[in-house]
């Protein structure tokens, strides 16, 4: 006896389920918001970065009502060894999620998208023949993450500017806690004694210090003091992101 034919809607439902499964399996999704994307690994919304534009304080880079040489926050936030700091984009909720996939989610592939955007938007106060130096990470974190995000950014900028890059000048000699959520005082204690200069390398006269995010400035301050202590005459800092004051802190900065 022949079996009765399966209803057409059953076959169509099975095919529909299979189709949705294959789409889910093979269609890429945005690493930030998890929405479907036609190509790449991040959607246009998450990659719509917010630039930091003038007017701002020429020393610390914080927005002001008009361009000024030094704002009231400069003496409390940044040490005298750090001549100035600039940042390219605000760390918004969207960019924070996406960038944290890079830092904490082992998504180094996402850096390609940020590199293209950085090459499009890059601007910085490079003075003379600055050597570019990234903020270092401890070897344990480097091995866990597989890369130093500040070094990645510094490499991009060195190629854009044709400036010399020194990746092993500053050394993180002591592991530290993540800076996220720490007060300024706690950040300073956390960083104490964690950095040194590689004495096998002659310190350059001028340095463009690179990091991914600045929040309080504690990390940049500490690096600048070590650099000046070992003979650097001027330190200018540049970060890809700056945390707005109304958002919570980030790991670095």
Protein backbone atom coordinates (compact mmCIF):
# COMPACT_ATOMS: atom_id res chain seq x y z
CA UNK A 1 0.00 0.00 0.00
CA UNK A 2 1.45 3.34 -0.96
CA UNK A 3 1.87 6.01 1.68
CA UNK A 4 -0.34 9.06 1.45
CA UNK A 5 1.41 12.13 0.08
CA UNK A 6 2.53 14.61 2.71
CA UNK A 7 0.54 17.80 2.74
CA UNK A 8 2.20 20.54 0.73
CA UNK A 9 2.33 22.91 3.70
CA UNK A 10 4.35 20.36 5.73
CA UNK A 11 7.02 20.20 3.02
CA UNK A 12 7.06 23.99 2.68
CA UNK A 13 7.33 24.41 6.46
CA UNK A 14 10.26 22.00 6.60
CA UNK A 15 12.00 23.83 3.76
CA UNK A 16 11.34 27.16 5.46
CA UNK A 17 12.86 25.94 8.71
CA UNK A 18 15.88 24.58 6.84
CA UNK A 19 16.24 27.86 4.97
CA UNK A 20 16.14 29.89 8.21
CA UNK A 21 18.67 27.54 9.78
CA UNK A 22 21.05 27.93 6.85
CA UNK A 23 20.60 31.71 6.87
CA UNK A 24 21.30 31.80 10.60
CA UNK A 25 24.33 29.59 10.17
CA UNK A 26 25.95 31.29 7.22
CA UNK A 27 24.71 34.89 7.21
CA UNK A 28 27.13 37.09 9.17
CA UNK A 29 25.91 39.13 12.11
CA UNK A 30 27.12 42.39 13.59
CA UNK A 31 29.58 41.78 16.41
CA UNK A 32 28.13 44.76 18.24
CA UNK A 33 24.32 44.57 18.13
CA UNK A 34 24.00 41.04 16.68
CA UNK A 35 21.83 42.23 13.80
CA UNK A 36 22.21 40.58 10.41
CA UNK A 37 24.63 42.18 7.96
CA UNK A 38 25.00 41.61 4.23
CA UNK A 39 28.76 41.47 4.46
CA UNK A 40 31.55 42.17 6.91
CA UNK A 41 31.32 41.76 10.67
CA UNK A 42 29.72 44.99 11.88
CA UNK A 43 26.68 47.01 10.86
CA UNK A 44 26.72 50.61 9.71
CA UNK A 45 25.03 51.80 12.92
CA UNK A 46 27.69 50.35 15.21
CA UNK A 47 30.43 51.69 12.93
CA UNK A 48 28.91 55.17 12.84
CA UNK A 49 31.53 56.69 15.13
CA UNK A 50 31.12 60.13 16.69
CA UNK A 51 34.09 62.43 16.06
CA UNK A 52 35.40 64.86 18.67
CA UNK A 53 35.43 68.29 17.14
CA UNK A 54 36.53 71.76 18.26
CA UNK A 55 36.19 73.80 20.31
CA UNK A 56 38.12 72.02 23.03
CA UNK A 57 40.93 72.59 25.48
CA UNK A 58 44.22 72.55 23.55
CA UNK A 59 45.96 70.83 26.46
CA UNK A 60 43.63 68.03 27.56
CA UNK A 61 41.27 67.85 24.60
CA UNK A 62 38.05 68.16 26.63
CA UNK A 63 35.22 70.05 24.89
CA UNK A 64 34.83 73.69 25.86
CA UNK A 65 32.57 76.55 24.82
CA UNK A 66 35.51 78.09 22.99
CA UNK A 67 39.06 77.04 22.18
CA UNK A 68 41.37 77.70 25.13
CA UNK A 69 45.00 76.89 25.92
CA UNK A 70 44.31 75.24 29.27
CA UNK A 71 41.06 74.49 31.09
CA UNK A 72 40.39 74.27 34.81
CA UNK A 73 40.53 70.47 34.78
CA UNK A 74 44.04 70.24 33.32
CA UNK A 75 46.03 70.56 36.59
CA UNK A 76 43.99 67.87 38.32
CA UNK A 77 43.74 65.39 35.44
CA UNK A 78 47.07 65.57 33.61
CA UNK A 79 50.65 65.79 34.83
CA UNK A 80 53.04 68.42 33.53
CA UNK A 81 55.09 65.73 31.74
CA UNK A 82 52.19 65.26 29.31
CA UNK A 83 52.16 68.23 26.94
CA UNK A 84 48.78 67.59 25.36
CA UNK A 85 46.27 64.90 24.47
CA UNK A 86 43.87 64.43 21.58
CA UNK A 87 41.26 61.77 20.88
CA UNK A 88 39.54 60.93 17.61
CA UNK A 89 36.09 59.57 18.58
CA UNK A 90 33.73 59.46 21.55
CA UNK A 91 33.29 56.07 23.19
CA UNK A 92 29.53 55.76 22.74
CA UNK A 93 27.45 52.75 23.76
CA UNK A 94 27.68 51.33 20.23
CA UNK A 95 31.40 51.84 19.74
CA UNK A 96 32.10 50.63 23.28
CA UNK A 97 30.34 47.32 22.63
CA UNK A 98 32.10 46.81 19.33
CA UNK A 99 35.54 47.81 20.58
CA UNK A 100 35.19 45.64 23.66
CA UNK A 101 34.59 42.68 21.36
CA UNK A 102 38.11 43.39 20.10
CA UNK A 103 39.67 43.76 23.55
CA UNK A 104 37.86 41.11 25.51
CA UNK A 105 36.20 38.89 22.92
CA UNK A 106 39.28 37.86 20.93
CA UNK A 107 37.81 39.52 17.83
CA UNK A 108 40.98 40.83 16.28
CA UNK A 109 39.28 40.56 12.88
CA UNK A 110 37.18 43.60 13.83
CA UNK A 111 40.26 45.82 13.88
CA UNK A 112 40.18 45.92 10.07
CA UNK A 113 36.97 47.98 10.17
CA UNK A 114 38.40 50.39 12.74
CA UNK A 115 41.60 50.74 10.75
CA UNK A 116 39.67 51.85 7.65
CA UNK A 117 37.74 54.41 9.67
CA UNK A 118 40.88 55.67 11.39
CA UNK A 119 42.60 56.15 8.04
CA UNK A 120 39.57 58.16 6.92
CA UNK A 121 39.29 60.38 10.03
CA UNK A 122 42.83 60.51 11.42
CA UNK A 123 44.14 63.83 12.64
CA UNK A 124 46.68 64.54 15.37
CA UNK A 125 49.14 67.22 16.55
CA UNK A 126 52.36 65.50 15.54
CA UNK A 127 55.31 67.65 16.54
CA UNK A 128 58.53 67.47 14.58
CA UNK A 129 59.86 63.96 14.13
CA UNK A 130 57.98 62.27 16.92
CA UNK A 131 58.61 58.61 17.61
CA UNK A 132 55.37 56.69 18.07
CA UNK A 133 55.15 54.58 21.24
CA UNK A 134 52.11 52.49 22.26
CA UNK A 135 50.97 52.04 25.84
CA UNK A 136 52.17 48.51 26.73
CA UNK A 137 50.28 45.57 28.19
CA UNK A 138 51.70 42.94 30.51
CA UNK A 139 52.96 39.75 28.86
CA UNK A 140 50.18 37.71 30.52
CA UNK A 141 47.49 39.88 28.98
CA UNK A 142 49.30 39.89 25.66
CA UNK A 143 49.38 36.10 25.56
CA UNK A 144 45.74 35.84 26.59
CA UNK A 145 44.51 38.43 24.09
CA UNK A 146 47.01 37.61 21.36
CA UNK A 147 47.85 41.25 20.67
CA UNK A 148 48.14 44.72 22.20
CA UNK A 149 45.37 46.93 20.84
CA UNK A 150 47.42 50.10 21.44
CA UNK A 151 50.27 48.59 19.43
CA UNK A 152 47.86 47.78 16.60
CA UNK A 153 46.69 51.40 16.49
CA UNK A 154 50.25 52.73 16.77
CA UNK A 155 51.26 50.57 13.79
CA UNK A 156 48.44 52.02 11.69
CA UNK A 157 49.43 55.59 12.59
CA UNK A 158 53.11 54.93 11.93
CA UNK A 159 52.23 53.79 8.42
CA UNK A 160 50.04 56.83 7.85
CA UNK A 161 52.62 59.32 9.06
CA UNK A 162 55.84 57.44 8.20
CA UNK A 163 57.00 58.18 11.74
CA UNK A 164 59.33 55.74 13.55
CA UNK A 165 57.58 53.18 15.73
CA UNK A 166 59.08 51.88 19.00
CA UNK A 167 57.03 48.96 20.32
CA UNK A 168 59.34 47.69 23.06
CA UNK A 169 60.46 50.94 24.67
CA UNK A 170 57.82 51.15 27.39
CA UNK A 171 57.40 47.84 29.23
CA UNK A 172 54.60 46.71 31.55
CA UNK A 173 56.58 44.89 34.24
CA UNK A 174 53.74 44.25 36.69
CA UNK A 175 50.25 42.93 35.93
CA UNK A 176 47.47 45.25 37.02
CA UNK A 177 43.74 45.00 37.53
CA UNK A 178 41.41 46.22 34.81
CA UNK A 179 40.88 49.95 35.30
CA UNK A 180 37.13 49.65 34.71
CA UNK A 181 35.13 51.03 37.61
CA UNK A 182 38.16 52.14 39.63
CA UNK A 183 38.32 55.63 41.12
CA UNK A 184 41.15 57.93 40.11
CA UNK A 185 43.03 57.21 43.35
CA UNK A 186 42.59 53.46 42.89
CA UNK A 187 43.79 53.70 39.29
CA UNK A 188 46.96 55.45 40.41
CA UNK A 189 47.67 52.82 43.06
CA UNK A 190 46.92 50.09 40.55
CA UNK A 191 49.51 51.49 38.11
CA UNK A 192 52.23 52.27 40.65
CA UNK A 193 55.50 50.58 39.73
CA UNK A 194 53.98 48.80 36.75
CA UNK A 195 55.90 50.56 33.96
CA UNK A 196 59.54 51.02 33.05
CA UNK A 197 61.66 52.08 30.09
CA UNK A 198 63.79 49.56 28.23
CA UNK A 199 67.29 50.92 28.92
CA UNK A 200 68.65 49.07 25.89
CA UNK A 201 66.84 51.61 23.70
CA UNK A 202 67.82 55.26 23.46
CA UNK A 203 64.85 57.41 24.40
CA UNK A 204 63.68 59.63 21.52
CA UNK A 205 63.47 63.39 21.95
CA UNK A 206 59.75 63.61 21.20
CA UNK A 207 57.06 60.97 21.60
CA UNK A 208 53.55 60.51 20.31
CA UNK A 209 52.07 58.19 22.97
CA UNK A 210 49.24 55.99 21.67
CA UNK A 211 46.41 54.24 23.52
CA UNK A 212 42.95 53.03 22.55
CA UNK A 213 40.80 54.78 25.20
CA UNK A 214 41.31 57.62 27.67
CA UNK A 215 39.02 57.99 30.68
CA UNK A 216 40.78 59.65 33.61
CA UNK A 217 44.23 59.97 32.02
CA UNK A 218 45.94 57.89 34.73
CA UNK A 219 47.67 55.48 32.34
CA UNK A 220 48.85 58.22 29.98
CA UNK A 221 50.13 60.25 32.93
CA UNK A 222 52.13 57.32 34.27
CA UNK A 223 53.62 56.57 30.86
CA UNK A 224 54.53 60.23 30.30
CA UNK A 225 56.37 60.41 33.63
CA UNK A 226 58.42 57.31 32.82
CA UNK A 227 59.29 58.67 29.37
CA UNK A 228 60.36 62.09 30.63
CA UNK A 229 62.35 60.51 33.45
CA UNK A 230 64.41 58.66 30.84
CA UNK A 231 65.17 61.64 28.66
CA UNK A 232 62.15 62.35 26.46
CA UNK A 233 61.71 66.11 26.07
CA UNK A 234 58.08 66.20 25.01
CA UNK A 235 55.18 63.74 25.20
CA UNK A 236 52.01 64.24 23.19
CA UNK A 237 49.27 61.64 23.71
CA UNK A 238 46.67 60.45 21.23
CA UNK A 239 43.84 57.97 21.74
CA UNK A 240 41.32 56.48 19.38
CA UNK A 241 38.46 56.91 21.86
CA UNK A 242 37.61 59.21 24.75
CA UNK A 243 35.05 58.26 27.38
CA UNK A 244 32.44 61.00 27.83
CA UNK A 245 32.05 62.06 31.43
CA UNK A 246 28.48 60.82 31.52
CA UNK A 247 29.44 57.25 30.59
CA UNK A 248 31.11 54.67 32.89
CA UNK A 249 34.88 54.15 32.77
CA UNK A 250 36.86 51.89 30.48
CA UNK A 251 39.77 49.54 31.07
CA UNK A 252 42.59 51.78 29.99
CA UNK A 253 43.09 55.52 30.34
